[in-house]
Amino acid sequence: MPSPQPLRAYTNIPFEIFIIVFTVLPFFVLAYFYSVLPDRVPLFMKLSGEVAVWTEKTPLSVFRVPLMAVVTQVVCILMKYGTVQSKAIAPFEIAIEQTKLHEQYLSLNAGLWDWFRWTVAFKMSVESLDTIFLSLERFKFLSRPAFIITAIAAVLGVAGALFYAYRLLVVRREMKEKFGDAKAQEPVDTRHVYGGVLYFNPSDSVLFAS
């Protein structure tokens, strides 16, 4: 049974720098413009890119989106860590043959979470700046390009997630055909089911539990 790989084996420094920069930079930009923002700032947007709800300027309302981005990054990191720490379930005699497919499956899982991470970092960093673009008249011309960029990032996020989900299902099917689906015969541990819907088990490499 292969040992769990460290998290650094499924990432690289340039990618992590990209995530950190796009996650942290909005805090500095918003802090710089905080004093010149008006008393009301945008809270929610319509699908057309126009402001649906305005709210009073407070640190929470101004930094709301970058704070959400940080929380999302933490969740994705924890899910990715749980994924790469999962172990193979094959008997010892076929473990060596299964290792390649298992590693491919884990890499795709990690890649899926990284895809979420970069799209979230990019989309929400631009979305954070909308507080400035929509509040200050001299920057209002940038609100439309920012809306288009965030929309494109959202579409790319969904498209990438579907691609990774398809690849995961293909690899999972190949593993079942070659080695059977021993884990599928085991009942799902209800201790790892949250809210009756969400399933997360660090010792289980399966992305979707049946």
N, C-alpha and C. Protein backbone atom coordinates (compact mmCIF):
# COMPACT_ATOMS: atom_id res chain seq x y z
N MET A 1 0.84 -1.19 0.00
CA MET A 1 0.00 0.00 0.00
C MET A 1 0.88 1.24 0.00
N PRO A 2 0.80 2.13 -0.99
CA PRO A 2 1.67 3.29 -1.07
C PRO A 2 1.43 4.25 0.07
N SER A 3 2.52 4.88 0.54
CA SER A 3 2.41 5.84 1.63
C SER A 3 1.84 7.15 1.10
N PRO A 4 1.13 7.89 1.95
CA PRO A 4 0.61 9.18 1.53
C PRO A 4 1.75 10.12 1.13
N GLN A 5 1.56 10.88 0.08
CA GLN A 5 2.56 11.82 -0.39
C GLN A 5 2.38 13.16 0.32
N PRO A 6 3.48 13.90 0.54
CA PRO A 6 3.34 15.23 1.14
C PRO A 6 2.62 16.17 0.17
N LEU A 7 1.98 17.19 0.72
CA LEU A 7 1.21 18.11 -0.10
C LEU A 7 2.07 18.80 -1.15
N ARG A 8 3.33 19.06 -0.83
CA ARG A 8 4.21 19.76 -1.77
C ARG A 8 4.47 18.95 -3.04
N ALA A 9 4.21 17.64 -2.98
CA ALA A 9 4.42 16.81 -4.17
C ALA A 9 3.36 17.08 -5.23
N TYR A 10 2.29 17.76 -4.86
CA TYR A 10 1.19 18.01 -5.79
C TYR A 10 1.00 19.50 -6.06
N THR A 11 2.07 20.28 -5.91
CA THR A 11 1.98 21.70 -6.21
C THR A 11 3.35 22.20 -6.62
N ASN A 12 3.46 23.49 -6.89
CA ASN A 12 4.74 24.09 -7.25
C ASN A 12 4.78 25.52 -6.75
N ILE A 13 5.98 26.04 -6.55
CA ILE A 13 6.16 27.37 -5.94
C ILE A 13 5.53 28.49 -6.76
N PRO A 14 5.74 28.55 -8.11
CA PRO A 14 5.10 29.64 -8.88
C PRO A 14 3.58 29.67 -8.73
N PHE A 15 2.96 28.50 -8.70
CA PHE A 15 1.51 28.45 -8.54
C PHE A 15 1.10 29.01 -7.18
N GLU A 16 1.80 28.60 -6.13
CA GLU A 16 1.46 29.06 -4.78
C GLU A 16 1.69 30.57 -4.66
N ILE A 17 2.74 31.09 -5.32
CA ILE A 17 2.98 32.53 -5.31
C ILE A 17 1.83 33.27 -5.98
N PHE A 18 1.36 32.71 -7.11
CA PHE A 18 0.22 33.30 -7.82
C PHE A 18 -1.00 33.37 -6.89
N ILE A 19 -1.28 32.27 -6.19
CA ILE A 19 -2.44 32.22 -5.29
C ILE A 19 -2.30 33.25 -4.18
N ILE A 20 -1.11 33.32 -3.57
CA ILE A 20 -0.89 34.25 -2.45
C ILE A 20 -1.03 35.69 -2.91
N VAL A 21 -0.43 36.02 -4.05
CA VAL A 21 -0.48 37.40 -4.55
C VAL A 21 -1.91 37.83 -4.82
N PHE A 22 -2.66 37.00 -5.56
CA PHE A 22 -4.03 37.38 -5.93
C PHE A 22 -5.00 37.30 -4.74
N THR A 23 -4.62 36.60 -3.69
CA THR A 23 -5.47 36.54 -2.50
C THR A 23 -5.19 37.70 -1.55
N VAL A 24 -3.93 38.09 -1.43
CA VAL A 24 -3.52 39.12 -0.46
C VAL A 24 -3.59 40.52 -1.05
N LEU A 25 -3.25 40.68 -2.34
CA LEU A 25 -3.17 42.01 -2.95
C LEU A 25 -4.44 42.86 -2.77
N PRO A 26 -5.67 42.29 -2.93
CA PRO A 26 -6.87 43.11 -2.75
C PRO A 26 -6.96 43.78 -1.38
N PHE A 27 -6.43 43.15 -0.33
CA PHE A 27 -6.45 43.76 1.00
C PHE A 27 -5.67 45.08 1.00
N PHE A 28 -4.50 45.08 0.36
CA PHE A 28 -3.66 46.29 0.32
C PHE A 28 -4.30 47.37 -0.55
N VAL A 29 -4.86 46.97 -1.69
CA VAL A 29 -5.49 47.95 -2.58
C VAL A 29 -6.70 48.58 -1.90
N LEU A 30 -7.55 47.78 -1.29
CA LEU A 30 -8.74 48.30 -0.62
C LEU A 30 -8.35 49.15 0.59
N ALA A 31 -7.31 48.76 1.31
CA ALA A 31 -6.86 49.55 2.45
C ALA A 31 -6.36 50.92 1.99
N TYR A 32 -5.69 50.94 0.84
CA TYR A 32 -5.17 52.21 0.30
C TYR A 32 -6.31 53.16 -0.06
N PHE A 33 -7.39 52.64 -0.63
CA PHE A 33 -8.50 53.48 -1.07
C PHE A 33 -9.60 53.64 -0.01
N TYR A 34 -9.45 52.97 1.12
CA TYR A 34 -10.53 52.95 2.11
C TYR A 34 -10.97 54.36 2.52
N SER A 35 -10.03 55.23 2.78
CA SER A 35 -10.36 56.57 3.29
C SER A 35 -11.11 57.43 2.28
N VAL A 36 -10.96 57.15 0.99
CA VAL A 36 -11.62 57.99 -0.03
C VAL A 36 -12.91 57.35 -0.55
N LEU A 37 -13.24 56.17 -0.08
CA LEU A 37 -14.49 55.54 -0.49
C LEU A 37 -15.67 56.31 0.11
N PRO A 38 -16.79 56.38 -0.60
CA PRO A 38 -17.97 57.08 -0.06
C PRO A 38 -18.59 56.32 1.11
N ASP A 39 -19.60 56.91 1.72
CA ASP A 39 -20.25 56.30 2.88
C ASP A 39 -21.03 55.04 2.52
N ARG A 40 -21.39 54.90 1.23
CA ARG A 40 -22.08 53.69 0.77
C ARG A 40 -21.21 52.96 -0.25
N VAL A 41 -21.14 51.65 -0.10
CA VAL A 41 -20.36 50.83 -1.03
C VAL A 41 -21.25 49.69 -1.53
N PRO A 42 -20.95 49.14 -2.71
CA PRO A 42 -21.78 48.05 -3.25
C PRO A 42 -21.65 46.78 -2.40
N LEU A 43 -22.77 46.12 -2.22
CA LEU A 43 -22.80 44.88 -1.45
C LEU A 43 -23.07 43.67 -2.34
N PHE A 44 -24.15 43.74 -3.14
CA PHE A 44 -24.50 42.65 -4.05
C PHE A 44 -24.67 43.20 -5.45
N MET A 45 -24.32 42.34 -6.42
CA MET A 45 -24.40 42.72 -7.84
C MET A 45 -25.48 41.92 -8.54
N LYS A 46 -26.06 42.54 -9.58
CA LYS A 46 -26.97 41.82 -10.45
C LYS A 46 -26.16 41.04 -11.49
N LEU A 47 -26.82 40.12 -12.18
CA LEU A 47 -26.14 39.35 -13.22
C LEU A 47 -25.69 40.25 -14.37
N SER A 48 -26.31 41.41 -14.50
CA SER A 48 -25.95 42.35 -15.56
C SER A 48 -24.71 43.16 -15.21
N GLY A 49 -24.23 43.04 -13.95
CA GLY A 49 -23.06 43.80 -13.53
C GLY A 49 -23.40 45.08 -12.80
N GLU A 50 -24.68 45.40 -12.67
CA GLU A 50 -25.09 46.60 -11.96
C GLU A 50 -25.25 46.28 -10.47
N VAL A 51 -25.20 47.34 -9.65
CA VAL A 51 -25.31 47.16 -8.21
C VAL A 51 -26.76 46.88 -7.83
N ALA A 52 -26.99 45.81 -7.09
CA ALA A 52 -28.34 45.47 -6.64
C ALA A 52 -28.61 46.04 -5.25
N VAL A 53 -27.59 45.99 -4.38
CA VAL A 53 -27.75 46.46 -3.01
C VAL A 53 -26.51 47.25 -2.60
N TRP A 54 -26.76 48.42 -2.01
CA TRP A 54 -25.69 49.23 -1.44
C TRP A 54 -25.74 49.09 0.07
N THR A 55 -24.60 49.29 0.75
CA THR A 55 -24.58 49.19 2.21
C THR A 55 -23.62 50.23 2.77
N GLU A 56 -23.69 50.42 4.06
CA GLU A 56 -22.82 51.38 4.74
C GLU A 56 -21.37 50.91 4.69
N LYS A 57 -20.46 51.87 4.52
CA LYS A 57 -19.04 51.52 4.47
C LYS A 57 -18.54 51.15 5.87
N THR A 58 -18.08 49.94 5.99
CA THR A 58 -17.45 49.45 7.21
C THR A 58 -16.29 48.55 6.79
N PRO A 59 -15.36 48.25 7.67
CA PRO A 59 -14.27 47.33 7.30
C PRO A 59 -14.80 45.99 6.78
N LEU A 60 -15.88 45.49 7.38
CA LEU A 60 -16.42 44.21 6.95
C LEU A 60 -17.03 44.30 5.55
N SER A 61 -17.76 45.36 5.26
CA SER A 61 -18.40 45.48 3.95
C SER A 61 -17.37 45.73 2.85
N VAL A 62 -16.30 46.44 3.18
CA VAL A 62 -15.27 46.73 2.17
C VAL A 62 -14.39 45.51 1.91
N PHE A 63 -14.02 44.82 2.98
CA PHE A 63 -13.10 43.68 2.83
C PHE A 63 -13.83 42.34 2.77
N ARG A 64 -15.13 42.38 2.58
CA ARG A 64 -15.95 41.16 2.59
C ARG A 64 -15.49 40.14 1.54
N VAL A 65 -15.31 40.58 0.31
CA VAL A 65 -14.96 39.64 -0.77
C VAL A 65 -13.57 39.04 -0.58
N PRO A 66 -12.52 39.82 -0.30
CA PRO A 66 -11.21 39.19 -0.07
C PRO A 66 -11.20 38.26 1.14
N LEU A 67 -12.00 38.58 2.17
CA LEU A 67 -12.09 37.67 3.32
C LEU A 67 -12.73 36.35 2.90
N MET A 68 -13.77 36.43 2.06
CA MET A 68 -14.40 35.21 1.54
C MET A 68 -13.40 34.41 0.71
N ALA A 69 -12.55 35.13 -0.03
CA ALA A 69 -11.54 34.45 -0.85
C ALA A 69 -10.56 33.68 0.03
N VAL A 70 -10.16 34.28 1.15
CA VAL A 70 -9.23 33.60 2.06
C VAL A 70 -9.88 32.34 2.63
N VAL A 71 -11.12 32.45 3.08
CA VAL A 71 -11.83 31.29 3.63
C VAL A 71 -11.94 30.18 2.59
N THR A 72 -12.27 30.56 1.34
CA THR A 72 -12.39 29.57 0.27
C THR A 72 -11.06 28.87 0.01
N GLN A 73 -9.97 29.64 0.02
CA GLN A 73 -8.65 29.05 -0.19
C GLN A 73 -8.31 28.05 0.91
N VAL A 74 -8.65 28.40 2.16
CA VAL A 74 -8.38 27.49 3.28
C VAL A 74 -9.16 26.19 3.13
N VAL A 75 -10.43 26.31 2.75
CA VAL A 75 -11.26 25.11 2.55
C VAL A 75 -10.67 24.24 1.44
N CYS A 76 -10.29 24.86 0.32
CA CYS A 76 -9.72 24.09 -0.80
C CYS A 76 -8.42 23.41 -0.40
N ILE A 77 -7.57 24.11 0.38
CA ILE A 77 -6.31 23.52 0.83
C ILE A 77 -6.58 22.31 1.72
N LEU A 78 -7.54 22.44 2.63
CA LEU A 78 -7.86 21.32 3.52
C LEU A 78 -8.41 20.13 2.74
N MET A 79 -9.25 20.38 1.76
CA MET A 79 -9.80 19.31 0.94
C MET A 79 -8.70 18.65 0.11
N LYS A 80 -7.80 19.47 -0.43
CA LYS A 80 -6.68 18.93 -1.22
C LYS A 80 -5.76 18.09 -0.33
N TYR A 81 -5.49 18.58 0.88
CA TYR A 81 -4.64 17.84 1.81
C TYR A 81 -5.27 16.48 2.15
N GLY A 82 -6.58 16.50 2.43
CA GLY A 82 -7.27 15.25 2.72
C GLY A 82 -7.20 14.28 1.55
N THR A 83 -7.27 14.82 0.34
CA THR A 83 -7.22 13.99 -0.86
C THR A 83 -5.87 13.31 -1.02
N VAL A 84 -4.78 14.08 -0.91
CA VAL A 84 -3.46 13.50 -1.16
C VAL A 84 -2.99 12.60 -0.02
N GLN A 85 -3.66 12.68 1.13
CA GLN A 85 -3.30 11.80 2.25
C GLN A 85 -4.02 10.46 2.20
N SER A 86 -4.96 10.29 1.26
CA SER A 86 -5.68 9.03 1.16
C SER A 86 -4.76 7.91 0.70
N LYS A 87 -5.12 6.69 1.05
CA LYS A 87 -4.28 5.52 0.74
C LYS A 87 -4.97 4.63 -0.28
N ALA A 88 -4.15 3.85 -0.97
CA ALA A 88 -4.69 2.86 -1.92
C ALA A 88 -5.42 1.77 -1.15
N ILE A 89 -6.40 1.14 -1.79
CA ILE A 89 -7.19 0.10 -1.12
C ILE A 89 -6.93 -1.28 -1.72
N ALA A 90 -5.97 -1.39 -2.61
CA ALA A 90 -5.72 -2.67 -3.28
C ALA A 90 -5.00 -3.65 -2.36
N PRO A 91 -5.22 -4.95 -2.55
CA PRO A 91 -4.43 -5.95 -1.84
C PRO A 91 -2.97 -5.79 -2.22
N PHE A 92 -2.07 -6.28 -1.37
CA PHE A 92 -0.64 -6.06 -1.57
C PHE A 92 -0.15 -6.59 -2.92
N GLU A 93 -0.68 -7.74 -3.34
CA GLU A 93 -0.15 -8.36 -4.56
C GLU A 93 -0.44 -7.56 -5.82
N ILE A 94 -1.42 -6.69 -5.79
CA ILE A 94 -1.68 -5.88 -6.98
C ILE A 94 -1.42 -4.39 -6.73
N ALA A 95 -0.90 -4.10 -5.51
CA ALA A 95 -0.70 -2.69 -5.15
C ALA A 95 0.27 -1.99 -6.09
N ILE A 96 1.33 -2.70 -6.48
CA ILE A 96 2.33 -2.08 -7.35
C ILE A 96 1.72 -1.71 -8.69
N GLU A 97 0.93 -2.64 -9.24
CA GLU A 97 0.29 -2.37 -10.53
C GLU A 97 -0.74 -1.25 -10.41
N GLN A 98 -1.38 -1.16 -9.27
CA GLN A 98 -2.44 -0.17 -9.09
C GLN A 98 -1.90 1.22 -8.76
N THR A 99 -0.64 1.27 -8.31
CA THR A 99 -0.08 2.54 -7.85
C THR A 99 -0.16 3.63 -8.92
N LYS A 100 0.14 3.27 -10.16
CA LYS A 100 0.13 4.27 -11.23
C LYS A 100 -1.24 4.90 -11.40
N LEU A 101 -2.28 4.05 -11.45
CA LEU A 101 -3.64 4.58 -11.58
C LEU A 101 -4.05 5.35 -10.34
N HIS A 102 -3.66 4.86 -9.19
CA HIS A 102 -4.01 5.53 -7.95
C HIS A 102 -3.37 6.92 -7.89
N GLU A 103 -2.09 7.00 -8.28
CA GLU A 103 -1.41 8.29 -8.29
C GLU A 103 -2.04 9.24 -9.30
N GLN A 104 -2.44 8.69 -10.44
CA GLN A 104 -3.12 9.52 -11.45
C GLN A 104 -4.43 10.07 -10.90
N TYR A 105 -5.14 9.22 -10.17
CA TYR A 105 -6.41 9.62 -9.57
C TYR A 105 -6.21 10.73 -8.53
N LEU A 106 -5.18 10.55 -7.68
CA LEU A 106 -4.89 11.56 -6.67
C LEU A 106 -4.44 12.87 -7.31
N SER A 107 -3.62 12.77 -8.37
CA SER A 107 -3.16 13.98 -9.05
C SER A 107 -4.31 14.75 -9.67
N LEU A 108 -5.27 14.02 -10.25
CA LEU A 108 -6.44 14.68 -10.82
C LEU A 108 -7.29 15.32 -9.72
N ASN A 109 -7.42 14.63 -8.60
CA ASN A 109 -8.14 15.20 -7.47
C ASN A 109 -7.49 16.49 -7.00
N ALA A 110 -6.16 16.44 -6.82
CA ALA A 110 -5.42 17.63 -6.39
C ALA A 110 -5.52 18.73 -7.44
N GLY A 111 -5.47 18.33 -8.72
CA GLY A 111 -5.59 19.30 -9.79
C GLY A 111 -6.94 19.99 -9.81
N LEU A 112 -7.98 19.23 -9.47
CA LEU A 112 -9.32 19.81 -9.40
C LEU A 112 -9.39 20.91 -8.35
N TRP A 113 -8.84 20.62 -7.16
CA TRP A 113 -8.85 21.65 -6.10
C TRP A 113 -7.98 22.84 -6.46
N ASP A 114 -6.85 22.59 -7.14
CA ASP A 114 -6.01 23.71 -7.57
C ASP A 114 -6.71 24.55 -8.64
N TRP A 115 -7.50 23.88 -9.48
CA TRP A 115 -8.27 24.62 -10.48
C TRP A 115 -9.25 25.56 -9.79
N PHE A 116 -9.93 25.05 -8.77
CA PHE A 116 -10.82 25.90 -7.98
C PHE A 116 -10.04 27.05 -7.36
N ARG A 117 -8.85 26.74 -6.85
CA ARG A 117 -8.07 27.75 -6.13
C ARG A 117 -7.67 28.91 -7.03
N TRP A 118 -7.18 28.61 -8.23
CA TRP A 118 -6.72 29.72 -9.06
C TRP A 118 -7.88 30.52 -9.62
N THR A 119 -8.99 29.85 -9.97
CA THR A 119 -10.13 30.60 -10.49
C THR A 119 -10.75 31.47 -9.39
N VAL A 120 -10.81 30.93 -8.16
CA VAL A 120 -11.33 31.72 -7.05
C VAL A 120 -10.42 32.91 -6.76
N ALA A 121 -9.10 32.66 -6.72
CA ALA A 121 -8.14 33.73 -6.43
C ALA A 121 -8.24 34.84 -7.47
N PHE A 122 -8.30 34.46 -8.74
CA PHE A 122 -8.35 35.45 -9.81
C PHE A 122 -9.69 36.17 -9.84
N LYS A 123 -10.78 35.41 -9.81
CA LYS A 123 -12.11 36.00 -9.89
C LYS A 123 -12.40 36.93 -8.72
N MET A 124 -12.10 36.47 -7.51
CA MET A 124 -12.46 37.25 -6.34
C MET A 124 -11.53 38.43 -6.11
N SER A 125 -10.31 38.36 -6.63
CA SER A 125 -9.42 39.52 -6.53
C SER A 125 -9.94 40.66 -7.40
N VAL A 126 -10.39 40.31 -8.62
CA VAL A 126 -10.96 41.33 -9.50
C VAL A 126 -12.29 41.82 -8.95
N GLU A 127 -13.09 40.89 -8.44
CA GLU A 127 -14.39 41.25 -7.86
C GLU A 127 -14.23 42.17 -6.66
N SER A 128 -13.14 41.99 -5.90
CA SER A 128 -12.88 42.86 -4.75
C SER A 128 -12.70 44.31 -5.19
N LEU A 129 -12.06 44.50 -6.34
CA LEU A 129 -11.80 45.85 -6.82
C LEU A 129 -13.06 46.55 -7.29
N ASP A 130 -14.13 45.80 -7.51
CA ASP A 130 -15.40 46.42 -7.90
C ASP A 130 -15.90 47.39 -6.84
N THR A 131 -15.51 47.16 -5.60
CA THR A 131 -15.89 48.09 -4.53
C THR A 131 -15.35 49.48 -4.84
N ILE A 132 -14.16 49.52 -5.40
CA ILE A 132 -13.54 50.80 -5.78
C ILE A 132 -14.13 51.31 -7.08
N PHE A 133 -14.21 50.43 -8.09
CA PHE A 133 -14.66 50.84 -9.42
C PHE A 133 -16.08 51.40 -9.41
N LEU A 134 -16.94 50.81 -8.59
CA LEU A 134 -18.34 51.22 -8.57
C LEU A 134 -18.62 52.35 -7.58
N SER A 135 -17.68 52.60 -6.69
CA SER A 135 -17.89 53.63 -5.68
C SER A 135 -17.28 54.96 -6.07
N LEU A 136 -16.19 54.94 -6.81
CA LEU A 136 -15.50 56.16 -7.18
C LEU A 136 -15.72 56.46 -8.67
N GLU A 137 -16.22 57.64 -8.94
CA GLU A 137 -16.61 58.00 -10.30
C GLU A 137 -15.46 57.88 -11.29
N ARG A 138 -14.27 58.27 -10.88
CA ARG A 138 -13.14 58.28 -11.81
C ARG A 138 -12.69 56.88 -12.24
N PHE A 139 -13.14 55.85 -11.49
CA PHE A 139 -12.77 54.48 -11.84
C PHE A 139 -13.95 53.68 -12.39
N LYS A 140 -15.08 54.32 -12.53
CA LYS A 140 -16.29 53.60 -12.91
C LYS A 140 -16.17 52.93 -14.28
N PHE A 141 -15.35 53.49 -15.17
CA PHE A 141 -15.18 52.90 -16.51
C PHE A 141 -14.55 51.51 -16.45
N LEU A 142 -13.92 51.17 -15.32
CA LEU A 142 -13.28 49.86 -15.17
C LEU A 142 -14.24 48.79 -14.66
N SER A 143 -15.45 49.20 -14.24
CA SER A 143 -16.38 48.23 -13.67
C SER A 143 -16.86 47.21 -14.69
N ARG A 144 -17.10 47.66 -15.92
CA ARG A 144 -17.57 46.74 -16.96
C ARG A 144 -16.50 45.71 -17.33
N PRO A 145 -15.24 46.14 -17.62
CA PRO A 145 -14.19 45.13 -17.87
C PRO A 145 -14.01 44.17 -16.71
N ALA A 146 -14.11 44.67 -15.47
CA ALA A 146 -13.95 43.80 -14.30
C ALA A 146 -15.07 42.76 -14.26
N PHE A 147 -16.30 43.20 -14.59
CA PHE A 147 -17.43 42.27 -14.61
C PHE A 147 -17.23 41.19 -15.67
N ILE A 148 -16.74 41.58 -16.83
CA ILE A 148 -16.50 40.61 -17.91
C ILE A 148 -15.43 39.61 -17.50
N ILE A 149 -14.37 40.12 -16.87
CA ILE A 149 -13.28 39.23 -16.44
C ILE A 149 -13.77 38.22 -15.41
N THR A 150 -14.56 38.68 -14.44
CA THR A 150 -15.07 37.75 -13.42
C THR A 150 -16.03 36.73 -14.03
N ALA A 151 -16.80 37.15 -15.02
CA ALA A 151 -17.71 36.21 -15.69
C ALA A 151 -16.92 35.14 -16.44
N ILE A 152 -15.86 35.57 -17.14
CA ILE A 152 -15.02 34.62 -17.86
C ILE A 152 -14.36 33.64 -16.89
N ALA A 153 -13.87 34.16 -15.75
CA ALA A 153 -13.24 33.31 -14.74
C ALA A 153 -14.23 32.28 -14.20
N ALA A 154 -15.48 32.70 -14.00
CA ALA A 154 -16.50 31.78 -13.51
C ALA A 154 -16.77 30.67 -14.52
N VAL A 155 -16.86 31.05 -15.80
CA VAL A 155 -17.10 30.06 -16.85
C VAL A 155 -15.93 29.08 -16.93
N LEU A 156 -14.70 29.61 -16.86
CA LEU A 156 -13.53 28.74 -16.88
C LEU A 156 -13.51 27.80 -15.68
N GLY A 157 -13.94 28.32 -14.52
CA GLY A 157 -13.99 27.48 -13.33
C GLY A 157 -14.93 26.30 -13.51
N VAL A 158 -16.11 26.56 -14.04
CA VAL A 158 -17.10 25.49 -14.25
C VAL A 158 -16.60 24.51 -15.32
N ALA A 159 -16.06 25.06 -16.42
CA ALA A 159 -15.58 24.21 -17.51
C ALA A 159 -14.44 23.31 -17.04
N GLY A 160 -13.49 23.89 -16.29
CA GLY A 160 -12.38 23.09 -15.77
C GLY A 160 -12.83 22.03 -14.80
N ALA A 161 -13.80 22.37 -13.94
CA ALA A 161 -14.31 21.40 -12.98
C ALA A 161 -14.97 20.23 -13.69
N LEU A 162 -15.73 20.51 -14.74
CA LEU A 162 -16.37 19.44 -15.51
C LEU A 162 -15.34 18.55 -16.19
N PHE A 163 -14.28 19.18 -16.70
CA PHE A 163 -13.21 18.42 -17.36
C PHE A 163 -12.54 17.48 -16.36
N TYR A 164 -12.17 18.02 -15.18
CA TYR A 164 -11.53 17.18 -14.17
C TYR A 164 -12.47 16.09 -13.67
N ALA A 165 -13.75 16.41 -13.51
CA ALA A 165 -14.72 15.40 -13.07
C ALA A 165 -14.81 14.27 -14.08
N TYR A 166 -14.79 14.62 -15.36
CA TYR A 166 -14.84 13.59 -16.41
C TYR A 166 -13.59 12.70 -16.36
N ARG A 167 -12.41 13.33 -16.24
CA ARG A 167 -11.16 12.56 -16.17
C ARG A 167 -11.15 11.66 -14.94
N LEU A 168 -11.65 12.15 -13.82
CA LEU A 168 -11.70 11.34 -12.60
C LEU A 168 -12.62 10.14 -12.77
N LEU A 169 -13.74 10.34 -13.41
CA LEU A 169 -14.67 9.23 -13.64
C LEU A 169 -14.05 8.19 -14.57
N VAL A 170 -13.30 8.65 -15.57
CA VAL A 170 -12.64 7.72 -16.51
C VAL A 170 -11.61 6.87 -15.77
N VAL A 171 -10.77 7.53 -14.97
CA VAL A 171 -9.74 6.80 -14.23
C VAL A 171 -10.37 5.86 -13.21
N ARG A 172 -11.43 6.35 -12.54
CA ARG A 172 -12.11 5.52 -11.55
C ARG A 172 -12.72 4.28 -12.21
N ARG A 173 -13.28 4.44 -13.40
CA ARG A 173 -13.86 3.31 -14.11
C ARG A 173 -12.78 2.30 -14.49
N GLU A 174 -11.62 2.83 -14.90
CA GLU A 174 -10.51 1.94 -15.26
C GLU A 174 -10.02 1.16 -14.05
N MET A 175 -9.96 1.83 -12.90
CA MET A 175 -9.55 1.15 -11.67
C MET A 175 -10.53 0.05 -11.29
N LYS A 176 -11.83 0.33 -11.45
CA LYS A 176 -12.85 -0.67 -11.12
C LYS A 176 -12.76 -1.86 -12.06
N GLU A 177 -12.50 -1.60 -13.35
CA GLU A 177 -12.42 -2.69 -14.32
C GLU A 177 -11.23 -3.60 -14.07
N LYS A 178 -10.09 -3.00 -13.66
CA LYS A 178 -8.88 -3.77 -13.48
C LYS A 178 -8.77 -4.42 -12.10
N PHE A 179 -9.25 -3.72 -11.09
CA PHE A 179 -9.01 -4.19 -9.73
C PHE A 179 -10.29 -4.40 -8.92
N GLY A 180 -11.44 -4.20 -9.55
CA GLY A 180 -12.68 -4.34 -8.82
C GLY A 180 -12.96 -3.09 -8.01
N ASP A 181 -14.06 -3.10 -7.32
CA ASP A 181 -14.46 -1.92 -6.54
C ASP A 181 -14.73 -2.36 -5.11
N ALA A 182 -13.65 -2.83 -4.45
CA ALA A 182 -13.80 -3.36 -3.10
C ALA A 182 -14.39 -2.33 -2.16
N LYS A 183 -13.98 -1.07 -2.30
CA LYS A 183 -14.46 -0.05 -1.39
C LYS A 183 -15.92 0.26 -1.61
N ALA A 184 -16.37 0.05 -2.85
CA ALA A 184 -17.78 0.36 -3.12
C ALA A 184 -18.70 -0.56 -2.37
N GLN A 185 -18.18 -1.74 -1.96
CA GLN A 185 -19.02 -2.68 -1.24
C GLN A 185 -19.14 -2.31 0.24
N GLU A 186 -18.26 -1.42 0.70
CA GLU A 186 -18.29 -1.01 2.09
C GLU A 186 -19.29 0.12 2.28
N PRO A 187 -20.04 0.13 3.37
CA PRO A 187 -20.96 1.23 3.60
C PRO A 187 -20.21 2.52 3.88
N VAL A 188 -20.81 3.63 3.50
CA VAL A 188 -20.21 4.93 3.75
C VAL A 188 -20.23 5.21 5.25
N ASP A 189 -19.10 5.65 5.79
CA ASP A 189 -19.00 5.97 7.20
C ASP A 189 -19.78 7.26 7.46
N THR A 190 -20.88 7.13 8.16
CA THR A 190 -21.74 8.30 8.38
C THR A 190 -21.07 9.38 9.21
N ARG A 191 -19.99 9.04 9.90
CA ARG A 191 -19.28 10.06 10.67
C ARG A 191 -18.63 11.08 9.76
N HIS A 192 -18.45 10.73 8.48
CA HIS A 192 -17.82 11.64 7.53
C HIS A 192 -18.84 12.28 6.59
N VAL A 193 -20.11 12.14 6.89
CA VAL A 193 -21.18 12.77 6.10
C VAL A 193 -21.70 13.96 6.89
N TYR A 194 -21.67 15.14 6.26
CA TYR A 194 -22.06 16.36 6.96
C TYR A 194 -23.33 16.94 6.33
N GLY A 195 -24.29 17.23 7.19
CA GLY A 195 -25.54 17.80 6.71
C GLY A 195 -26.36 16.83 5.90
N GLY A 196 -26.03 15.54 5.97
CA GLY A 196 -26.76 14.53 5.21
C GLY A 196 -26.43 14.52 3.73
N VAL A 197 -25.52 15.42 3.29
CA VAL A 197 -25.22 15.53 1.85
C VAL A 197 -23.73 15.49 1.59
N LEU A 198 -22.93 16.30 2.30
CA LEU A 198 -21.51 16.44 2.02
C LEU A 198 -20.72 15.29 2.64
N TYR A 199 -19.80 14.73 1.85
CA TYR A 199 -18.99 13.60 2.30
C TYR A 199 -17.52 13.97 2.19
N PHE A 200 -16.79 13.83 3.29
CA PHE A 200 -15.35 14.08 3.28
C PHE A 200 -14.67 13.14 4.25
N ASN A 201 -13.77 12.31 3.73
CA ASN A 201 -13.05 11.35 4.54
C ASN A 201 -11.59 11.34 4.09
N PRO A 202 -10.66 11.85 4.91
CA PRO A 202 -9.25 11.91 4.52
C PRO A 202 -8.64 10.58 4.14
N SER A 203 -9.21 9.46 4.63
CA SER A 203 -8.65 8.15 4.32
C SER A 203 -9.30 7.51 3.11
N ASP A 204 -10.18 8.26 2.43
CA ASP A 204 -10.90 7.74 1.28
C ASP A 204 -10.59 8.59 0.06
N SER A 205 -10.03 7.97 -0.98
CA SER A 205 -9.65 8.71 -2.17
C SER A 205 -10.80 8.97 -3.12
N VAL A 206 -11.97 8.41 -2.83
CA VAL A 206 -13.11 8.58 -3.72
C VAL A 206 -13.65 10.00 -3.61
N LEU A 207 -13.87 10.64 -4.77
CA LEU A 207 -14.37 11.99 -4.78
C LEU A 207 -15.86 12.03 -4.52
N PHE A 208 -16.58 11.07 -5.09
CA PHE A 208 -18.04 11.01 -4.92
C PHE A 208 -18.40 9.71 -4.22
N ALA A 209 -19.12 9.81 -3.12
CA ALA A 209 -19.54 8.60 -2.38
C ALA A 209 -20.95 8.23 -2.80
N SER A 210 -21.17 6.91 -2.98
CA SER A 210 -22.48 6.47 -3.38
C SER A 210 -23.22 5.91 -2.18
